[in-house]
Amino acid sequence: MPKIENNKEQDNEQNTNSVLVGFVRKSNAGRAVKLSINTSSFQDCATYVTSDGQTYVQLVISLNALSGVIEGSRAVTSINQLND
């Protein structure tokens, strides 16, 4: 009997070091995406400053996983900050 391999593609975001910052869920009504950010993790995130002096935190959500949440095949996915 041939071996069946699970052929799931992993995003580049999942292959690097990252810090879990929060989660994404679909709202109960199904008409919105809810973000839950851990404030302690968010405070520990690296920031960058734009030329106009604004400070930002760069976060990543996998498009494949987010599509699964929106379509209903996944209940939740993670929000991460990638570490270089």
PDB file of N, CA and C in Angstrom:
ATOM      1  N   MET A   1       0.849  -1.173   0.000  1.00  0.00           N
ATOM      2  CA  MET A   1       0.000   0.000   0.000  1.00  0.00           C
ATOM      3  C   MET A   1       0.895   1.237   0.000  1.00  0.00           C
ATOM      4  N   PRO A   2       0.708   2.186  -0.925  1.00  0.00           N
ATOM      5  CA  PRO A   2       1.560   3.368  -0.991  1.00  0.00           C
ATOM      6  C   PRO A   2       1.313   4.290   0.198  1.00  0.00           C
ATOM      7  N   LYS A   3       2.383   4.916   0.585  1.00  0.00           N
ATOM      8  CA  LYS A   3       2.304   5.869   1.685  1.00  0.00           C
ATOM      9  C   LYS A   3       1.650   7.161   1.196  1.00  0.00           C
ATOM     10  N   ILE A   4       0.663   7.656   1.954  1.00  0.00           N
ATOM     11  CA  ILE A   4      -0.014   8.902   1.612  1.00  0.00           C
ATOM     12  C   ILE A   4       0.629  10.029   2.389  1.00  0.00           C
ATOM     13  N   GLU A   5       1.106  11.017   1.677  1.00  0.00           N
ATOM     14  CA  GLU A   5       1.755  12.147   2.319  1.00  0.00           C
ATOM     15  C   GLU A   5       0.796  13.317   2.424  1.00  0.00           C
ATOM     16  N   ASN A   6       0.862  13.997   3.531  1.00  0.00           N
ATOM     17  CA  ASN A   6       0.068  15.200   3.727  1.00  0.00           C
ATOM     18  C   ASN A   6       0.814  16.334   3.044  1.00  0.00           C
ATOM     19  N   ASN A   7       0.250  16.898   1.994  1.00  0.00           N
ATOM     20  CA  ASN A   7       0.928  17.884   1.160  1.00  0.00           C
ATOM     21  C   ASN A   7       0.447  19.293   1.482  1.00  0.00           C
ATOM     22  N   LYS A   8       0.648  19.724   2.713  1.00  0.00           N
ATOM     23  CA  LYS A   8       0.263  21.083   3.085  1.00  0.00           C
ATOM     24  C   LYS A   8       1.459  21.998   2.887  1.00  0.00           C
ATOM     25  N   GLU A   9       1.212  23.111   2.203  1.00  0.00           N
ATOM     26  CA  GLU A   9       2.265  24.100   2.029  1.00  0.00           C
ATOM     27  C   GLU A   9       2.381  24.928   3.285  1.00  0.00           C
ATOM     28  N   GLN A  10       3.614  25.152   3.720  1.00  0.00           N
ATOM     29  CA  GLN A  10       3.825  26.022   4.853  1.00  0.00           C
ATOM     30  C   GLN A  10       4.287  27.369   4.350  1.00  0.00           C
ATOM     31  N   ASP A  11       3.702  28.424   4.908  1.00  0.00           N
ATOM     32  CA  ASP A  11       4.089  29.772   4.524  1.00  0.00           C
ATOM     33  C   ASP A  11       5.474  30.080   5.070  1.00  0.00           C
ATOM     34  N   ASN A  12       6.164  31.019   4.416  1.00  0.00           N
ATOM     35  CA  ASN A  12       7.467  31.435   4.888  1.00  0.00           C
ATOM     36  C   ASN A  12       7.404  31.942   6.316  1.00  0.00           C
ATOM     37  N   GLU A  13       6.263  32.545   6.701  1.00  0.00           N
ATOM     38  CA  GLU A  13       6.115  33.063   8.047  1.00  0.00           C
ATOM     39  C   GLU A  13       6.228  31.956   9.078  1.00  0.00           C
ATOM     40  N   GLN A  14       5.801  30.746   8.741  1.00  0.00           N
ATOM     41  CA  GLN A  14       5.831  29.638   9.675  1.00  0.00           C
ATOM     42  C   GLN A  14       7.204  28.996   9.750  1.00  0.00           C
ATOM     43  N   ASN A  15       8.083  29.285   8.825  1.00  0.00           N
ATOM     44  CA  ASN A  15       9.408  28.685   8.790  1.00  0.00           C
ATOM     45  C   ASN A  15      10.454  29.549   9.474  1.00  0.00           C
ATOM     46  N   THR A  16      10.101  30.677   9.997  1.00  0.00           N
ATOM     47  CA  THR A  16      11.042  31.562  10.650  1.00  0.00           C
ATOM     48  C   THR A  16      10.665  31.707  12.122  1.00  0.00           C
ATOM     49  N   ASN A  17      11.582  32.279  12.889  1.00  0.00           N
ATOM     50  CA  ASN A  17      11.280  32.547  14.291  1.00  0.00           C
ATOM     51  C   ASN A  17      10.263  33.664  14.373  1.00  0.00           C
ATOM     52  N   SER A  18       9.264  33.482  15.221  1.00  0.00           N
ATOM     53  CA  SER A  18       8.254  34.505  15.377  1.00  0.00           C
ATOM     54  C   SER A  18       7.763  34.526  16.820  1.00  0.00           C
ATOM     55  N   VAL A  19       7.136  35.641  17.164  1.00  0.00           N
ATOM     56  CA  VAL A  19       6.559  35.812  18.495  1.00  0.00           C
ATOM     57  C   VAL A  19       5.053  35.857  18.338  1.00  0.00           C
ATOM     58  N   LEU A  20       4.341  35.028  19.093  1.00  0.00           N
ATOM     59  CA  LEU A  20       2.891  35.032  19.073  1.00  0.00           C
ATOM     60  C   LEU A  20       2.396  36.294  19.765  1.00  0.00           C
ATOM     61  N   VAL A  21       1.581  37.074  19.053  1.00  0.00           N
ATOM     62  CA  VAL A  21       1.081  38.336  19.579  1.00  0.00           C
ATOM     63  C   VAL A  21      -0.421  38.248  19.846  1.00  0.00           C
ATOM     64  N   GLY A  22      -1.144  37.420  19.105  1.00  0.00           N
ATOM     65  CA  GLY A  22      -2.584  37.322  19.303  1.00  0.00           C
ATOM     66  C   GLY A  22      -3.216  36.329  18.359  1.00  0.00           C
ATOM     67  N   PHE A  23      -4.541  36.440  18.256  1.00  0.00           N
ATOM     68  CA  PHE A  23      -5.315  35.507  17.457  1.00  0.00           C
ATOM     69  C   PHE A  23      -6.344  36.237  16.604  1.00  0.00           C
ATOM     70  N   VAL A  24      -6.755  35.596  15.520  1.00  0.00           N
ATOM     71  CA  VAL A  24      -7.808  36.086  14.645  1.00  0.00           C
ATOM     72  C   VAL A  24      -8.943  35.068  14.666  1.00  0.00           C
ATOM     73  N   ARG A  25     -10.154  35.548  14.856  1.00  0.00           N
ATOM     74  CA  ARG A  25     -11.353  34.709  14.828  1.00  0.00           C
ATOM     75  C   ARG A  25     -12.426  35.389  13.983  1.00  0.00           C
ATOM     76  N   LYS A  26     -13.370  34.618  13.537  1.00  0.00           N
ATOM     77  CA  LYS A  26     -14.535  35.164  12.851  1.00  0.00           C
ATOM     78  C   LYS A  26     -15.560  35.527  13.923  1.00  0.00           C
ATOM     79  N   SER A  27     -16.267  36.633  13.745  1.00  0.00           N
ATOM     80  CA  SER A  27     -17.277  37.047  14.713  1.00  0.00           C
ATOM     81  C   SER A  27     -18.417  36.033  14.755  1.00  0.00           C
ATOM     82  N   ASN A  28     -19.175  36.049  15.829  1.00  0.00           N
ATOM     83  CA  ASN A  28     -20.307  35.122  15.957  1.00  0.00           C
ATOM     84  C   ASN A  28     -21.317  35.308  14.834  1.00  0.00           C
ATOM     85  N   ALA A  29     -21.530  36.546  14.417  1.00  0.00           N
ATOM     86  CA  ALA A  29     -22.460  36.810  13.325  1.00  0.00           C
ATOM     87  C   ALA A  29     -21.851  36.449  11.966  1.00  0.00           C
ATOM     88  N   GLY A  30     -20.523  36.281  11.914  1.00  0.00           N
ATOM     89  CA  GLY A  30     -19.866  35.894  10.672  1.00  0.00           C
ATOM     90  C   GLY A  30     -19.640  37.022   9.697  1.00  0.00           C
ATOM     91  N   ARG A  31     -19.840  38.255  10.140  1.00  0.00           N
ATOM     92  CA  ARG A  31     -19.702  39.386   9.226  1.00  0.00           C
ATOM     93  C   ARG A  31     -18.472  40.226   9.502  1.00  0.00           C
ATOM     94  N   ALA A  32     -17.606  39.767  10.405  1.00  0.00           N
ATOM     95  CA  ALA A  32     -16.406  40.526  10.744  1.00  0.00           C
ATOM     96  C   ALA A  32     -15.317  39.566  11.203  1.00  0.00           C
ATOM     97  N   VAL A  33     -14.095  40.051  11.204  1.00  0.00           N
ATOM     98  CA  VAL A  33     -12.957  39.315  11.731  1.00  0.00           C
ATOM     99  C   VAL A  33     -12.549  40.010  13.023  1.00  0.00           C
ATOM    100  N   LYS A  34     -12.414  39.239  14.095  1.00  0.00           N
ATOM    101  CA  LYS A  34     -12.060  39.784  15.399  1.00  0.00           C
ATOM    102  C   LYS A  34     -10.581  39.526  15.681  1.00  0.00           C
ATOM    103  N   LEU A  35      -9.863  40.556  16.080  1.00  0.00           N
ATOM    104  CA  LEU A  35      -8.461  40.431  16.458  1.00  0.00           C
ATOM    105  C   LEU A  35      -8.360  40.500  17.968  1.00  0.00           C
ATOM    106  N   SER A  36      -7.646  39.570  18.563  1.00  0.00           N
ATOM    107  CA  SER A  36      -7.377  39.586  19.995  1.00  0.00           C
ATOM    108  C   SER A  36      -5.868  39.686  20.165  1.00  0.00           C
ATOM    109  N   ILE A  37      -5.418  40.817  20.689  1.00  0.00           N
ATOM    110  CA  ILE A  37      -3.991  41.090  20.849  1.00  0.00           C
ATOM    111  C   ILE A  37      -3.629  40.997  22.325  1.00  0.00           C
ATOM    112  N   ASN A  38      -2.584  40.237  22.636  1.00  0.00           N
ATOM    113  CA  ASN A  38      -2.078  40.157  23.997  1.00  0.00           C
ATOM    114  C   ASN A  38      -1.254  41.414  24.265  1.00  0.00           C
ATOM    115  N   THR A  39      -1.694  42.239  25.209  1.00  0.00           N
ATOM    116  CA  THR A  39      -1.043  43.537  25.431  1.00  0.00           C
ATOM    117  C   THR A  39       0.399  43.387  25.900  1.00  0.00           C
ATOM    118  N   SER A  40       0.682  42.370  26.686  1.00  0.00           N
ATOM    119  CA  SER A  40       2.058  42.158  27.149  1.00  0.00           C
ATOM    120  C   SER A  40       2.976  41.807  25.980  1.00  0.00           C
ATOM    121  N   SER A  41       2.519  40.898  25.111  1.00  0.00           N
ATOM    122  CA  SER A  41       3.312  40.520  23.928  1.00  0.00           C
ATOM    123  C   SER A  41       3.469  41.703  22.980  1.00  0.00           C
ATOM    124  N   PHE A  42       2.397  42.487  22.828  1.00  0.00           N
ATOM    125  CA  PHE A  42       2.441  43.640  21.928  1.00  0.00           C
ATOM    126  C   PHE A  42       3.477  44.659  22.400  1.00  0.00           C
ATOM    127  N   GLN A  43       3.550  44.883  23.702  1.00  0.00           N
ATOM    128  CA  GLN A  43       4.525  45.827  24.251  1.00  0.00           C
ATOM    129  C   GLN A  43       5.951  45.375  24.000  1.00  0.00           C
ATOM    130  N   ASP A  44       6.158  44.064  23.901  1.00  0.00           N
ATOM    131  CA  ASP A  44       7.496  43.519  23.667  1.00  0.00           C
ATOM    132  C   ASP A  44       7.893  43.491  22.196  1.00  0.00           C
ATOM    133  N   CYS A  45       6.974  43.833  21.301  1.00  0.00           N
ATOM    134  CA  CYS A  45       7.253  43.792  19.864  1.00  0.00           C
ATOM    135  C   CYS A  45       8.225  44.896  19.454  1.00  0.00           C
ATOM    136  N   ALA A  46       9.012  44.566  18.442  1.00  0.00           N
ATOM    137  CA  ALA A  46       9.904  45.563  17.841  1.00  0.00           C
ATOM    138  C   ALA A  46       9.065  46.560  17.050  1.00  0.00           C
ATOM    139  N   THR A  47       9.524  47.795  17.001  1.00  0.00           N
ATOM    140  CA  THR A  47       8.820  48.843  16.273  1.00  0.00           C
ATOM    141  C   THR A  47       9.738  49.444  15.211  1.00  0.00           C
ATOM    142  N   TYR A  48       9.137  50.217  14.334  1.00  0.00           N
ATOM    143  CA  TYR A  48       9.916  51.003  13.378  1.00  0.00           C
ATOM    144  C   TYR A  48       9.254  52.365  13.245  1.00  0.00           C
ATOM    145  N   VAL A  49      10.033  53.347  12.835  1.00  0.00           N
ATOM    146  CA  VAL A  49       9.555  54.717  12.720  1.00  0.00           C
ATOM    147  C   VAL A  49       9.610  55.130  11.261  1.00  0.00           C
ATOM    148  N   THR A  50       8.522  55.719  10.758  1.00  0.00           N
ATOM    149  CA  THR A  50       8.472  56.191   9.382  1.00  0.00           C
ATOM    150  C   THR A  50       9.077  57.585   9.290  1.00  0.00           C
ATOM    151  N   SER A  51       9.252  58.073   8.079  1.00  0.00           N
ATOM    152  CA  SER A  51       9.884  59.374   7.865  1.00  0.00           C
ATOM    153  C   SER A  51       9.092  60.528   8.462  1.00  0.00           C
ATOM    154  N   ASP A  52       7.790  60.314   8.667  1.00  0.00           N
ATOM    155  CA  ASP A  52       6.985  61.378   9.273  1.00  0.00           C
ATOM    156  C   ASP A  52       6.932  61.282  10.802  1.00  0.00           C
ATOM    157  N   GLY A  53       7.725  60.364  11.394  1.00  0.00           N
ATOM    158  CA  GLY A  53       7.832  60.257  12.840  1.00  0.00           C
ATOM    159  C   GLY A  53       6.831  59.327  13.500  1.00  0.00           C
ATOM    160  N   GLN A  54       5.978  58.665  12.727  1.00  0.00           N
ATOM    161  CA  GLN A  54       5.003  57.731  13.294  1.00  0.00           C
ATOM    162  C   GLN A  54       5.676  56.398  13.610  1.00  0.00           C
ATOM    163  N   THR A  55       5.293  55.781  14.715  1.00  0.00           N
ATOM    164  CA  THR A  55       5.854  54.498  15.139  1.00  0.00           C
ATOM    165  C   THR A  55       4.844  53.387  14.874  1.00  0.00           C
ATOM    166  N   TYR A  56       5.319  52.285  14.298  1.00  0.00           N
ATOM    167  CA  TYR A  56       4.464  51.156  13.939  1.00  0.00           C
ATOM    168  C   TYR A  56       5.053  49.853  14.446  1.00  0.00           C
ATOM    169  N   VAL A  57       4.159  48.854  14.611  1.00  0.00           N
ATOM    170  CA  VAL A  57       4.541  47.479  14.910  1.00  0.00           C
ATOM    171  C   VAL A  57       4.141  46.653  13.701  1.00  0.00           C
ATOM    172  N   GLN A  58       5.069  45.886  13.151  1.00  0.00           N
ATOM    173  CA  GLN A  58       4.777  45.067  11.978  1.00  0.00           C
ATOM    174  C   GLN A  58       4.362  43.670  12.429  1.00  0.00           C
ATOM    175  N   LEU A  59       3.128  43.283  12.103  1.00  0.00           N
ATOM    176  CA  LEU A  59       2.591  41.979  12.460  1.00  0.00           C
ATOM    177  C   LEU A  59       2.223  41.209  11.202  1.00  0.00           C
ATOM    178  N   VAL A  60       2.154  39.880  11.317  1.00  0.00           N
ATOM    179  CA  VAL A  60       1.910  39.014  10.165  1.00  0.00           C
ATOM    180  C   VAL A  60       0.783  38.035  10.483  1.00  0.00           C
ATOM    181  N   ILE A  61      -0.111  37.859   9.509  1.00  0.00           N
ATOM    182  CA  ILE A  61      -1.145  36.824   9.555  1.00  0.00           C
ATOM    183  C   ILE A  61      -1.049  36.053   8.245  1.00  0.00           C
ATOM    184  N   SER A  62      -0.975  34.749   8.314  1.00  0.00           N
ATOM    185  CA  SER A  62      -0.905  33.922   7.119  1.00  0.00           C
ATOM    186  C   SER A  62      -2.182  34.079   6.302  1.00  0.00           C
ATOM    187  N   LEU A  63      -2.042  34.371   5.018  1.00  0.00           N
ATOM    188  CA  LEU A  63      -3.211  34.502   4.142  1.00  0.00           C
ATOM    189  C   LEU A  63      -3.981  33.196   4.021  1.00  0.00           C
ATOM    190  N   ASN A  64      -3.269  32.073   3.919  1.00  0.00           N
ATOM    191  CA  ASN A  64      -3.948  30.783   3.815  1.00  0.00           C
ATOM    192  C   ASN A  64      -4.760  30.493   5.067  1.00  0.00           C
ATOM    193  N   ALA A  65      -4.168  30.742   6.232  1.00  0.00           N
ATOM    194  CA  ALA A  65      -4.870  30.486   7.487  1.00  0.00           C
ATOM    195  C   ALA A  65      -6.033  31.461   7.665  1.00  0.00           C
ATOM    196  N   LEU A  66      -5.838  32.728   7.317  1.00  0.00           N
ATOM    197  CA  LEU A  66      -6.911  33.711   7.427  1.00  0.00           C
ATOM    198  C   LEU A  66      -8.071  33.361   6.495  1.00  0.00           C
ATOM    199  N   SER A  67      -7.764  32.898   5.299  1.00  0.00           N
ATOM    200  CA  SER A  67      -8.817  32.454   4.376  1.00  0.00           C
ATOM    201  C   SER A  67      -9.611  31.304   4.985  1.00  0.00           C
ATOM    202  N   GLY A  68      -8.910  30.402   5.660  1.00  0.00           N
ATOM    203  CA  GLY A  68      -9.592  29.294   6.334  1.00  0.00           C
ATOM    204  C   GLY A  68     -10.529  29.777   7.422  1.00  0.00           C
ATOM    205  N   VAL A  69     -10.117  30.789   8.172  1.00  0.00           N
ATOM    206  CA  VAL A  69     -10.984  31.362   9.212  1.00  0.00           C
ATOM    207  C   VAL A  69     -12.212  31.997   8.573  1.00  0.00           C
ATOM    208  N   ILE A  70     -12.004  32.754   7.522  1.00  0.00           N
ATOM    209  CA  ILE A  70     -13.116  33.438   6.851  1.00  0.00           C
ATOM    210  C   ILE A  70     -14.079  32.427   6.235  1.00  0.00           C
ATOM    211  N   GLU A  71     -13.543  31.366   5.636  1.00  0.00           N
ATOM    212  CA  GLU A  71     -14.382  30.344   4.999  1.00  0.00           C
ATOM    213  C   GLU A  71     -15.035  29.398   5.998  1.00  0.00           C
ATOM    214  N   GLY A  72     -14.514  29.367   7.217  1.00  0.00           N
ATOM    215  CA  GLY A  72     -15.090  28.509   8.247  1.00  0.00           C
ATOM    216  C   GLY A  72     -14.422  27.172   8.432  1.00  0.00           C
ATOM    217  N   SER A  73     -13.357  26.885   7.695  1.00  0.00           N
ATOM    218  CA  SER A  73     -12.664  25.606   7.856  1.00  0.00           C
ATOM    219  C   SER A  73     -11.679  25.627   9.022  1.00  0.00           C
ATOM    220  N   ARG A  74     -11.391  26.813   9.541  1.00  0.00           N
ATOM    221  CA  ARG A  74     -10.548  26.981  10.739  1.00  0.00           C
ATOM    222  C   ARG A  74     -11.291  27.887  11.708  1.00  0.00           C
ATOM    223  N   ALA A  75     -11.130  27.619  12.991  1.00  0.00           N
ATOM    224  CA  ALA A  75     -11.784  28.462  13.994  1.00  0.00           C
ATOM    225  C   ALA A  75     -10.943  29.681  14.330  1.00  0.00           C
ATOM    226  N   VAL A  76      -9.632  29.536  14.256  1.00  0.00           N
ATOM    227  CA  VAL A  76      -8.734  30.586  14.724  1.00  0.00           C
ATOM    228  C   VAL A  76      -7.392  30.464  14.021  1.00  0.00           C
ATOM    229  N   THR A  77      -6.665  31.572  13.911  1.00  0.00           N
ATOM    230  CA  THR A  77      -5.276  31.547  13.456  1.00  0.00           C
ATOM    231  C   THR A  77      -4.507  32.587  14.242  1.00  0.00           C
ATOM    232  N   SER A  78      -3.208  32.571  14.117  1.00  0.00           N
ATOM    233  CA  SER A  78      -2.364  33.411  14.952  1.00  0.00           C
ATOM    234  C   SER A  78      -1.953  34.709  14.269  1.00  0.00           C
ATOM    235  N   ILE A  79      -1.642  35.677  15.116  1.00  0.00           N
ATOM    236  CA  ILE A  79      -1.015  36.937  14.693  1.00  0.00           C
ATOM    237  C   ILE A  79       0.390  36.911  15.275  1.00  0.00           C
ATOM    238  N   ASN A  80       1.393  37.121  14.433  1.00  0.00           N
ATOM    239  CA  ASN A  80       2.779  37.012  14.872  1.00  0.00           C
ATOM    240  C   ASN A  80       3.604  38.206  14.460  1.00  0.00           C
ATOM    241  N   GLN A  81       4.731  38.363  15.142  1.00  0.00           N
ATOM    242  CA  GLN A  81       5.755  39.272  14.665  1.00  0.00           C
ATOM    243  C   GLN A  81       6.963  38.418  14.327  1.00  0.00           C
ATOM    244  N   LEU A  82       7.483  38.588  13.113  1.00  0.00           N
ATOM    245  CA  LEU A  82       8.632  37.811  12.670  1.00  0.00           C
ATOM    246  C   LEU A  82       9.907  38.389  13.241  1.00  0.00           C
ATOM    247  N   ASN A  83      10.801  37.483  13.655  1.00  0.00           N
ATOM    248  CA  ASN A  83      12.121  37.900  14.135  1.00  0.00           C
ATOM    249  C   ASN A  83      13.139  37.612  13.047  1.00  0.00           C
ATOM    250  N   ASP A  84      13.965  38.580  12.757  1.00  0.00           N
ATOM    251  CA  ASP A  84      15.017  38.387  11.743  1.00  0.00           C
ATOM    252  C   ASP A  84      16.180  37.622  12.280  1.00  0.00           C
TER     253      ASP A  84
END
